[in-house]
Amino acid sequence: MKMMQGEAPALPPITVPTCIRWAEHDPLFPYAWTDRLGETFSNLDLKMFPDVGHFPHREDPDRAAAEIAGFFARINWK
């Protein structure tokens, strides 16, 4: 019944290594909204993706690919 009152049940944090690159100039989802991601992801690799808007993978695909590849290299994922 708590959800009906606007409260969601607390869930355990996600422990899988998680890479989030948040666009610096996203007009829909401001970077400031990342302030609580650590509550959901306990193994979070969060960095601002500078000088791009809402679609960094389209605005700077080479840099986006390098960030993703770098993350997988750091966690030794094969």
PDB file of N, CA and C in Angstrom:
ATOM      1  N   MET A   1       0.805  -1.195   0.000  1.00  0.00           N
ATOM      2  CA  MET A   1       0.000   0.000   0.000  1.00  0.00           C
ATOM      3  C   MET A   1       0.852   1.264   0.000  1.00  0.00           C
ATOM      4  N   LYS A   2       2.130   1.152   0.427  1.00  0.00           N
ATOM      5  CA  LYS A   2       2.976   2.339   0.468  1.00  0.00           C
ATOM      6  C   LYS A   2       3.166   2.948  -0.918  1.00  0.00           C
ATOM      7  N   MET A   3       3.218   2.113  -1.947  1.00  0.00           N
ATOM      8  CA  MET A   3       3.404   2.660  -3.290  1.00  0.00           C
ATOM      9  C   MET A   3       2.241   3.558  -3.674  1.00  0.00           C
ATOM     10  N   MET A   4       1.068   3.257  -3.171  1.00  0.00           N
ATOM     11  CA  MET A   4      -0.091   4.096  -3.455  1.00  0.00           C
ATOM     12  C   MET A   4       0.080   5.465  -2.801  1.00  0.00           C
ATOM     13  N   GLN A   5       0.917   5.534  -1.769  1.00  0.00           N
ATOM     14  CA  GLN A   5       1.146   6.787  -1.066  1.00  0.00           C
ATOM     15  C   GLN A   5       2.357   7.526  -1.609  1.00  0.00           C
ATOM     16  N   GLY A   6       2.968   7.011  -2.691  1.00  0.00           N
ATOM     17  CA  GLY A   6       4.103   7.685  -3.288  1.00  0.00           C
ATOM     18  C   GLY A   6       5.451   7.198  -2.820  1.00  0.00           C
ATOM     19  N   GLU A   7       5.496   6.093  -2.089  1.00  0.00           N
ATOM     20  CA  GLU A   7       6.764   5.559  -1.611  1.00  0.00           C
ATOM     21  C   GLU A   7       6.997   4.183  -2.216  1.00  0.00           C
ATOM     22  N   ALA A   8       8.146   4.006  -2.828  1.00  0.00           N
ATOM     23  CA  ALA A   8       8.504   2.703  -3.392  1.00  0.00           C
ATOM     24  C   ALA A   8       9.327   1.939  -2.362  1.00  0.00           C
ATOM     25  N   PRO A   9       9.218   0.630  -2.356  1.00  0.00           N
ATOM     26  CA  PRO A   9      10.020  -0.144  -1.414  1.00  0.00           C
ATOM     27  C   PRO A   9      11.500  -0.018  -1.743  1.00  0.00           C
ATOM     28  N   ALA A  10      12.337  -0.015  -0.726  1.00  0.00           N
ATOM     29  CA  ALA A  10      13.784   0.060  -0.934  1.00  0.00           C
ATOM     30  C   ALA A  10      14.273  -1.247  -1.552  1.00  0.00           C
ATOM     31  N   LEU A  11      15.122  -1.136  -2.542  1.00  0.00           N
ATOM     32  CA  LEU A  11      15.701  -2.301  -3.193  1.00  0.00           C
ATOM     33  C   LEU A  11      17.193  -2.333  -2.899  1.00  0.00           C
ATOM     34  N   PRO A  12      17.796  -3.513  -2.900  1.00  0.00           N
ATOM     35  CA  PRO A  12      19.249  -3.562  -2.683  1.00  0.00           C
ATOM     36  C   PRO A  12      19.967  -2.929  -3.872  1.00  0.00           C
ATOM     37  N   PRO A  13      21.164  -2.377  -3.631  1.00  0.00           N
ATOM     38  CA  PRO A  13      21.882  -1.756  -4.741  1.00  0.00           C
ATOM     39  C   PRO A  13      22.313  -2.787  -5.787  1.00  0.00           C
ATOM     40  N   ILE A  14      22.460  -2.325  -6.996  1.00  0.00           N
ATOM     41  CA  ILE A  14      22.955  -3.150  -8.096  1.00  0.00           C
ATOM     42  C   ILE A  14      24.470  -3.196  -7.960  1.00  0.00           C
ATOM     43  N   THR A  15      25.045  -4.399  -7.862  1.00  0.00           N
ATOM     44  CA  THR A  15      26.477  -4.533  -7.600  1.00  0.00           C
ATOM     45  C   THR A  15      27.313  -4.797  -8.848  1.00  0.00           C
ATOM     46  N   VAL A  16      26.686  -5.059  -9.966  1.00  0.00           N
ATOM     47  CA  VAL A  16      27.399  -5.289 -11.220  1.00  0.00           C
ATOM     48  C   VAL A  16      28.119  -3.998 -11.619  1.00  0.00           C
ATOM     49  N   PRO A  17      29.368  -4.067 -12.063  1.00  0.00           N
ATOM     50  CA  PRO A  17      30.036  -2.852 -12.523  1.00  0.00           C
ATOM     51  C   PRO A  17      29.188  -2.146 -13.583  1.00  0.00           C
ATOM     52  N   THR A  18      28.968  -0.860 -13.373  1.00  0.00           N
ATOM     53  CA  THR A  18      28.072  -0.094 -14.223  1.00  0.00           C
ATOM     54  C   THR A  18      28.769   1.170 -14.709  1.00  0.00           C
ATOM     55  N   CYS A  19      28.753   1.372 -16.009  1.00  0.00           N
ATOM     56  CA  CYS A  19      29.368   2.549 -16.623  1.00  0.00           C
ATOM     57  C   CYS A  19      28.267   3.495 -17.080  1.00  0.00           C
ATOM     58  N   ILE A  20      28.325   4.721 -16.579  1.00  0.00           N
ATOM     59  CA  ILE A  20      27.380   5.745 -17.023  1.00  0.00           C
ATOM     60  C   ILE A  20      28.179   6.971 -17.429  1.00  0.00           C
ATOM     61  N   ARG A  21      27.974   7.400 -18.666  1.00  0.00           N
ATOM     62  CA  ARG A  21      28.548   8.643 -19.161  1.00  0.00           C
ATOM     63  C   ARG A  21      27.375   9.571 -19.428  1.00  0.00           C
ATOM     64  N   TRP A  22      27.281  10.618 -18.648  1.00  0.00           N
ATOM     65  CA  TRP A  22      26.132  11.525 -18.707  1.00  0.00           C
ATOM     66  C   TRP A  22      26.538  12.782 -19.454  1.00  0.00           C
ATOM     67  N   ALA A  23      25.763  13.166 -20.422  1.00  0.00           N
ATOM     68  CA  ALA A  23      26.090  14.314 -21.267  1.00  0.00           C
ATOM     69  C   ALA A  23      26.057  15.622 -20.479  1.00  0.00           C
ATOM     70  N   GLU A  24      27.057  16.420 -20.714  1.00  0.00           N
ATOM     71  CA  GLU A  24      27.180  17.699 -20.010  1.00  0.00           C
ATOM     72  C   GLU A  24      26.040  18.653 -20.340  1.00  0.00           C
ATOM     73  N   HIS A  25      25.615  18.684 -21.587  1.00  0.00           N
ATOM     74  CA  HIS A  25      24.620  19.672 -22.018  1.00  0.00           C
ATOM     75  C   HIS A  25      23.295  19.028 -22.412  1.00  0.00           C
ATOM     76  N   ASP A  26      22.916  17.975 -21.739  1.00  0.00           N
ATOM     77  CA  ASP A  26      21.654  17.304 -22.050  1.00  0.00           C
ATOM     78  C   ASP A  26      20.498  18.194 -21.613  1.00  0.00           C
ATOM     79  N   PRO A  27      19.665  18.640 -22.553  1.00  0.00           N
ATOM     80  CA  PRO A  27      18.557  19.526 -22.192  1.00  0.00           C
ATOM     81  C   PRO A  27      17.394  18.793 -21.518  1.00  0.00           C
ATOM     82  N   LEU A  28      17.352  17.476 -21.636  1.00  0.00           N
ATOM     83  CA  LEU A  28      16.256  16.706 -21.046  1.00  0.00           C
ATOM     84  C   LEU A  28      16.585  16.158 -19.660  1.00  0.00           C
ATOM     85  N   PHE A  29      17.827  15.720 -19.479  1.00  0.00           N
ATOM     86  CA  PHE A  29      18.254  15.108 -18.222  1.00  0.00           C
ATOM     87  C   PHE A  29      19.538  15.781 -17.742  1.00  0.00           C
ATOM     88  N   PRO A  30      19.435  16.805 -16.913  1.00  0.00           N
ATOM     89  CA  PRO A  30      20.610  17.538 -16.465  1.00  0.00           C
ATOM     90  C   PRO A  30      21.590  16.647 -15.692  1.00  0.00           C
ATOM     91  N   TYR A  31      22.872  16.955 -15.827  1.00  0.00           N
ATOM     92  CA  TYR A  31      23.902  16.189 -15.122  1.00  0.00           C
ATOM     93  C   TYR A  31      23.665  16.190 -13.609  1.00  0.00           C
ATOM     94  N   ALA A  32      23.073  17.230 -13.095  1.00  0.00           N
ATOM     95  CA  ALA A  32      22.795  17.310 -11.653  1.00  0.00           C
ATOM     96  C   ALA A  32      21.959  16.131 -11.164  1.00  0.00           C
ATOM     97  N   TRP A  33      21.229  15.497 -12.064  1.00  0.00           N
ATOM     98  CA  TRP A  33      20.380  14.369 -11.681  1.00  0.00           C
ATOM     99  C   TRP A  33      21.184  13.116 -11.355  1.00  0.00           C
ATOM    100  N   THR A  34      22.483  13.147 -11.568  1.00  0.00           N
ATOM    101  CA  THR A  34      23.316  11.980 -11.260  1.00  0.00           C
ATOM    102  C   THR A  34      23.647  11.897  -9.775  1.00  0.00           C
ATOM    103  N   ASP A  35      23.263  12.885  -9.003  1.00  0.00           N
ATOM    104  CA  ASP A  35      23.701  12.978  -7.612  1.00  0.00           C
ATOM    105  C   ASP A  35      23.298  11.792  -6.738  1.00  0.00           C
ATOM    106  N   ARG A  36      22.311  11.027  -7.122  1.00  0.00           N
ATOM    107  CA  ARG A  36      21.867   9.902  -6.291  1.00  0.00           C
ATOM    108  C   ARG A  36      22.076   8.538  -6.942  1.00  0.00           C
ATOM    109  N   LEU A  37      22.771   8.484  -8.064  1.00  0.00           N
ATOM    110  CA  LEU A  37      22.979   7.202  -8.739  1.00  0.00           C
ATOM    111  C   LEU A  37      23.755   6.218  -7.871  1.00  0.00           C
ATOM    112  N   GLY A  38      24.632   6.717  -7.023  1.00  0.00           N
ATOM    113  CA  GLY A  38      25.393   5.850  -6.126  1.00  0.00           C
ATOM    114  C   GLY A  38      24.518   5.075  -5.159  1.00  0.00           C
ATOM    115  N   GLU A  39      23.304   5.526  -4.928  1.00  0.00           N
ATOM    116  CA  GLU A  39      22.373   4.798  -4.063  1.00  0.00           C
ATOM    117  C   GLU A  39      21.843   3.541  -4.757  1.00  0.00           C
ATOM    118  N   THR A  40      21.836   3.549  -6.086  1.00  0.00           N
ATOM    119  CA  THR A  40      21.309   2.429  -6.856  1.00  0.00           C
ATOM    120  C   THR A  40      22.416   1.508  -7.347  1.00  0.00           C
ATOM    121  N   PHE A  41      23.551   2.080  -7.695  1.00  0.00           N
ATOM    122  CA  PHE A  41      24.663   1.310  -8.257  1.00  0.00           C
ATOM    123  C   PHE A  41      25.855   1.397  -7.305  1.00  0.00           C
ATOM    124  N   SER A  42      26.196   0.290  -6.647  1.00  0.00           N
ATOM    125  CA  SER A  42      27.288   0.335  -5.676  1.00  0.00           C
ATOM    126  C   SER A  42      28.662   0.256  -6.336  1.00  0.00           C
ATOM    127  N   ASN A  43      28.727  -0.146  -7.598  1.00  0.00           N
ATOM    128  CA  ASN A  43      29.994  -0.245  -8.320  1.00  0.00           C
ATOM    129  C   ASN A  43      29.884   0.614  -9.581  1.00  0.00           C
ATOM    130  N   LEU A  44      29.759   1.918  -9.359  1.00  0.00           N
ATOM    131  CA  LEU A  44      29.435   2.864 -10.428  1.00  0.00           C
ATOM    132  C   LEU A  44      30.680   3.572 -10.946  1.00  0.00           C
ATOM    133  N   ASP A  45      30.821   3.590 -12.253  1.00  0.00           N
ATOM    134  CA  ASP A  45      31.838   4.371 -12.940  1.00  0.00           C
ATOM    135  C   ASP A  45      31.092   5.490 -13.670  1.00  0.00           C
ATOM    136  N   LEU A  46      30.970   6.628 -13.015  1.00  0.00           N
ATOM    137  CA  LEU A  46      30.201   7.768 -13.538  1.00  0.00           C
ATOM    138  C   LEU A  46      31.151   8.891 -13.914  1.00  0.00           C
ATOM    139  N   LYS A  47      31.003   9.393 -15.111  1.00  0.00           N
ATOM    140  CA  LYS A  47      31.775  10.558 -15.551  1.00  0.00           C
ATOM    141  C   LYS A  47      30.889  11.412 -16.452  1.00  0.00           C
ATOM    142  N   MET A  48      31.159  12.696 -16.419  1.00  0.00           N
ATOM    143  CA  MET A  48      30.473  13.596 -17.331  1.00  0.00           C
ATOM    144  C   MET A  48      31.066  13.401 -18.729  1.00  0.00           C
ATOM    145  N   PHE A  49      30.205  13.419 -19.716  1.00  0.00           N
ATOM    146  CA  PHE A  49      30.622  13.361 -21.109  1.00  0.00           C
ATOM    147  C   PHE A  49      30.586  14.811 -21.594  1.00  0.00           C
ATOM    148  N   PRO A  50      31.747  15.482 -21.601  1.00  0.00           N
ATOM    149  CA  PRO A  50      31.738  16.927 -21.867  1.00  0.00           C
ATOM    150  C   PRO A  50      31.419  17.290 -23.315  1.00  0.00           C
ATOM    151  N   ASP A  51      30.875  18.469 -23.441  1.00  0.00           N
ATOM    152  CA  ASP A  51      30.653  19.121 -24.742  1.00  0.00           C
ATOM    153  C   ASP A  51      29.659  18.414 -25.658  1.00  0.00           C
ATOM    154  N   VAL A  52      28.752  17.616 -25.101  1.00  0.00           N
ATOM    155  CA  VAL A  52      27.724  16.984 -25.930  1.00  0.00           C
ATOM    156  C   VAL A  52      26.363  17.181 -25.285  1.00  0.00           C
ATOM    157  N   GLY A  53      25.326  16.946 -26.087  1.00  0.00           N
ATOM    158  CA  GLY A  53      23.952  17.083 -25.619  1.00  0.00           C
ATOM    159  C   GLY A  53      23.353  15.727 -25.302  1.00  0.00           C
ATOM    160  N   HIS A  54      22.137  15.515 -25.716  1.00  0.00           N
ATOM    161  CA  HIS A  54      21.370  14.331 -25.320  1.00  0.00           C
ATOM    162  C   HIS A  54      21.848  13.032 -25.966  1.00  0.00           C
ATOM    163  N   PHE A  55      22.525  13.106 -27.096  1.00  0.00           N
ATOM    164  CA  PHE A  55      22.918  11.893 -27.826  1.00  0.00           C
ATOM    165  C   PHE A  55      24.434  11.814 -28.025  1.00  0.00           C
ATOM    166  N   PRO A  56      25.213  11.587 -26.962  1.00  0.00           N
ATOM    167  CA  PRO A  56      26.670  11.559 -27.127  1.00  0.00           C
ATOM    168  C   PRO A  56      27.143  10.485 -28.102  1.00  0.00           C
ATOM    169  N   HIS A  57      26.437   9.381 -28.170  1.00  0.00           N
ATOM    170  CA  HIS A  57      26.832   8.303 -29.085  1.00  0.00           C
ATOM    171  C   HIS A  57      26.643   8.699 -30.546  1.00  0.00           C
ATOM    172  N   ARG A  58      25.823   9.699 -30.802  1.00  0.00           N
ATOM    173  CA  ARG A  58      25.653  10.206 -32.179  1.00  0.00           C
ATOM    174  C   ARG A  58      26.483  11.457 -32.415  1.00  0.00           C
ATOM    175  N   GLU A  59      26.642  12.258 -31.369  1.00  0.00           N
ATOM    176  CA  GLU A  59      27.375  13.514 -31.511  1.00  0.00           C
ATOM    177  C   GLU A  59      28.891  13.295 -31.555  1.00  0.00           C
ATOM    178  N   ASP A  60      29.366  12.289 -30.845  1.00  0.00           N
ATOM    179  CA  ASP A  60      30.796  11.989 -30.817  1.00  0.00           C
ATOM    180  C   ASP A  60      30.974  10.472 -30.667  1.00  0.00           C
ATOM    181  N   PRO A  61      30.631   9.715 -31.717  1.00  0.00           N
ATOM    182  CA  PRO A  61      30.633   8.256 -31.612  1.00  0.00           C
ATOM    183  C   PRO A  61      31.998   7.647 -31.316  1.00  0.00           C
ATOM    184  N   ASP A  62      33.066   8.242 -31.822  1.00  0.00           N
ATOM    185  CA  ASP A  62      34.392   7.678 -31.551  1.00  0.00           C
ATOM    186  C   ASP A  62      34.737   7.780 -30.063  1.00  0.00           C
ATOM    187  N   ARG A  63      34.446   8.912 -29.479  1.00  0.00           N
ATOM    188  CA  ARG A  63      34.726   9.085 -28.048  1.00  0.00           C
ATOM    189  C   ARG A  63      33.811   8.188 -27.222  1.00  0.00           C
ATOM    190  N   ALA A  64      32.557   8.072 -27.605  1.00  0.00           N
ATOM    191  CA  ALA A  64      31.637   7.201 -26.874  1.00  0.00           C
ATOM    192  C   ALA A  64      32.124   5.758 -26.924  1.00  0.00           C
ATOM    193  N   ALA A  65      32.542   5.304 -28.106  1.00  0.00           N
ATOM    194  CA  ALA A  65      33.054   3.934 -28.240  1.00  0.00           C
ATOM    195  C   ALA A  65      34.308   3.741 -27.400  1.00  0.00           C
ATOM    196  N   ALA A  66      35.184   4.739 -27.374  1.00  0.00           N
ATOM    197  CA  ALA A  66      36.407   4.638 -26.574  1.00  0.00           C
ATOM    198  C   ALA A  66      36.094   4.564 -25.087  1.00  0.00           C
ATOM    199  N   GLU A  67      35.112   5.324 -24.637  1.00  0.00           N
ATOM    200  CA  GLU A  67      34.715   5.285 -23.219  1.00  0.00           C
ATOM    201  C   GLU A  67      34.169   3.902 -22.850  1.00  0.00           C
ATOM    202  N   ILE A  68      33.330   3.352 -23.704  1.00  0.00           N
ATOM    203  CA  ILE A  68      32.749   2.032 -23.442  1.00  0.00           C
ATOM    204  C   ILE A  68      33.834   0.962 -23.464  1.00  0.00           C
ATOM    205  N   ALA A  69      34.704   0.996 -24.473  1.00  0.00           N
ATOM    206  CA  ALA A  69      35.786   0.017 -24.561  1.00  0.00           C
ATOM    207  C   ALA A  69      36.723   0.141 -23.362  1.00  0.00           C
ATOM    208  N   GLY A  70      37.011   1.367 -22.947  1.00  0.00           N
ATOM    209  CA  GLY A  70      37.866   1.578 -21.779  1.00  0.00           C
ATOM    210  C   GLY A  70      37.261   0.997 -20.511  1.00  0.00           C
ATOM    211  N   PHE A  71      35.968   1.170 -20.352  1.00  0.00           N
ATOM    212  CA  PHE A  71      35.290   0.605 -19.182  1.00  0.00           C
ATOM    213  C   PHE A  71      35.419  -0.916 -19.166  1.00  0.00           C
ATOM    214  N   PHE A  72      35.133  -1.554 -20.293  1.00  0.00           N
ATOM    215  CA  PHE A  72      35.226  -3.011 -20.340  1.00  0.00           C
ATOM    216  C   PHE A  72      36.655  -3.487 -20.114  1.00  0.00           C
ATOM    217  N   ALA A  73      37.636  -2.745 -20.587  1.00  0.00           N
ATOM    218  CA  ALA A  73      39.041  -3.100 -20.337  1.00  0.00           C
ATOM    219  C   ALA A  73      39.364  -3.000 -18.844  1.00  0.00           C
ATOM    220  N   ARG A  74      38.853  -1.944 -18.169  1.00  0.00           N
ATOM    221  CA  ARG A  74      39.130  -1.768 -16.738  1.00  0.00           C
ATOM    222  C   ARG A  74      38.530  -2.870 -15.891  1.00  0.00           C
ATOM    223  N   ILE A  75      37.393  -3.400 -16.306  1.00  0.00           N
ATOM    224  CA  ILE A  75      36.779  -4.470 -15.493  1.00  0.00           C
ATOM    225  C   ILE A  75      37.187  -5.847 -16.004  1.00  0.00           C
ATOM    226  N   ASN A  76      38.101  -5.893 -16.977  1.00  0.00           N
ATOM    227  CA  ASN A  76      38.599  -7.155 -17.533  1.00  0.00           C
ATOM    228  C   ASN A  76      37.476  -8.036 -18.070  1.00  0.00           C
ATOM    229  N   TRP A  77      36.534  -7.425 -18.757  1.00  0.00           N
ATOM    230  CA  TRP A  77      35.420  -8.182 -19.329  1.00  0.00           C
ATOM    231  C   TRP A  77      35.786  -8.685 -20.709  1.00  0.00           C
ATOM    232  N   LYS A  78      35.564  -9.951 -20.912  1.00  0.00           N
ATOM    233  CA  LYS A  78      35.927 -10.552 -22.202  1.00  0.00           C
ATOM    234  C   LYS A  78      34.753 -11.292 -22.780  1.00  0.00           C
TER     235      LYS A  78
END
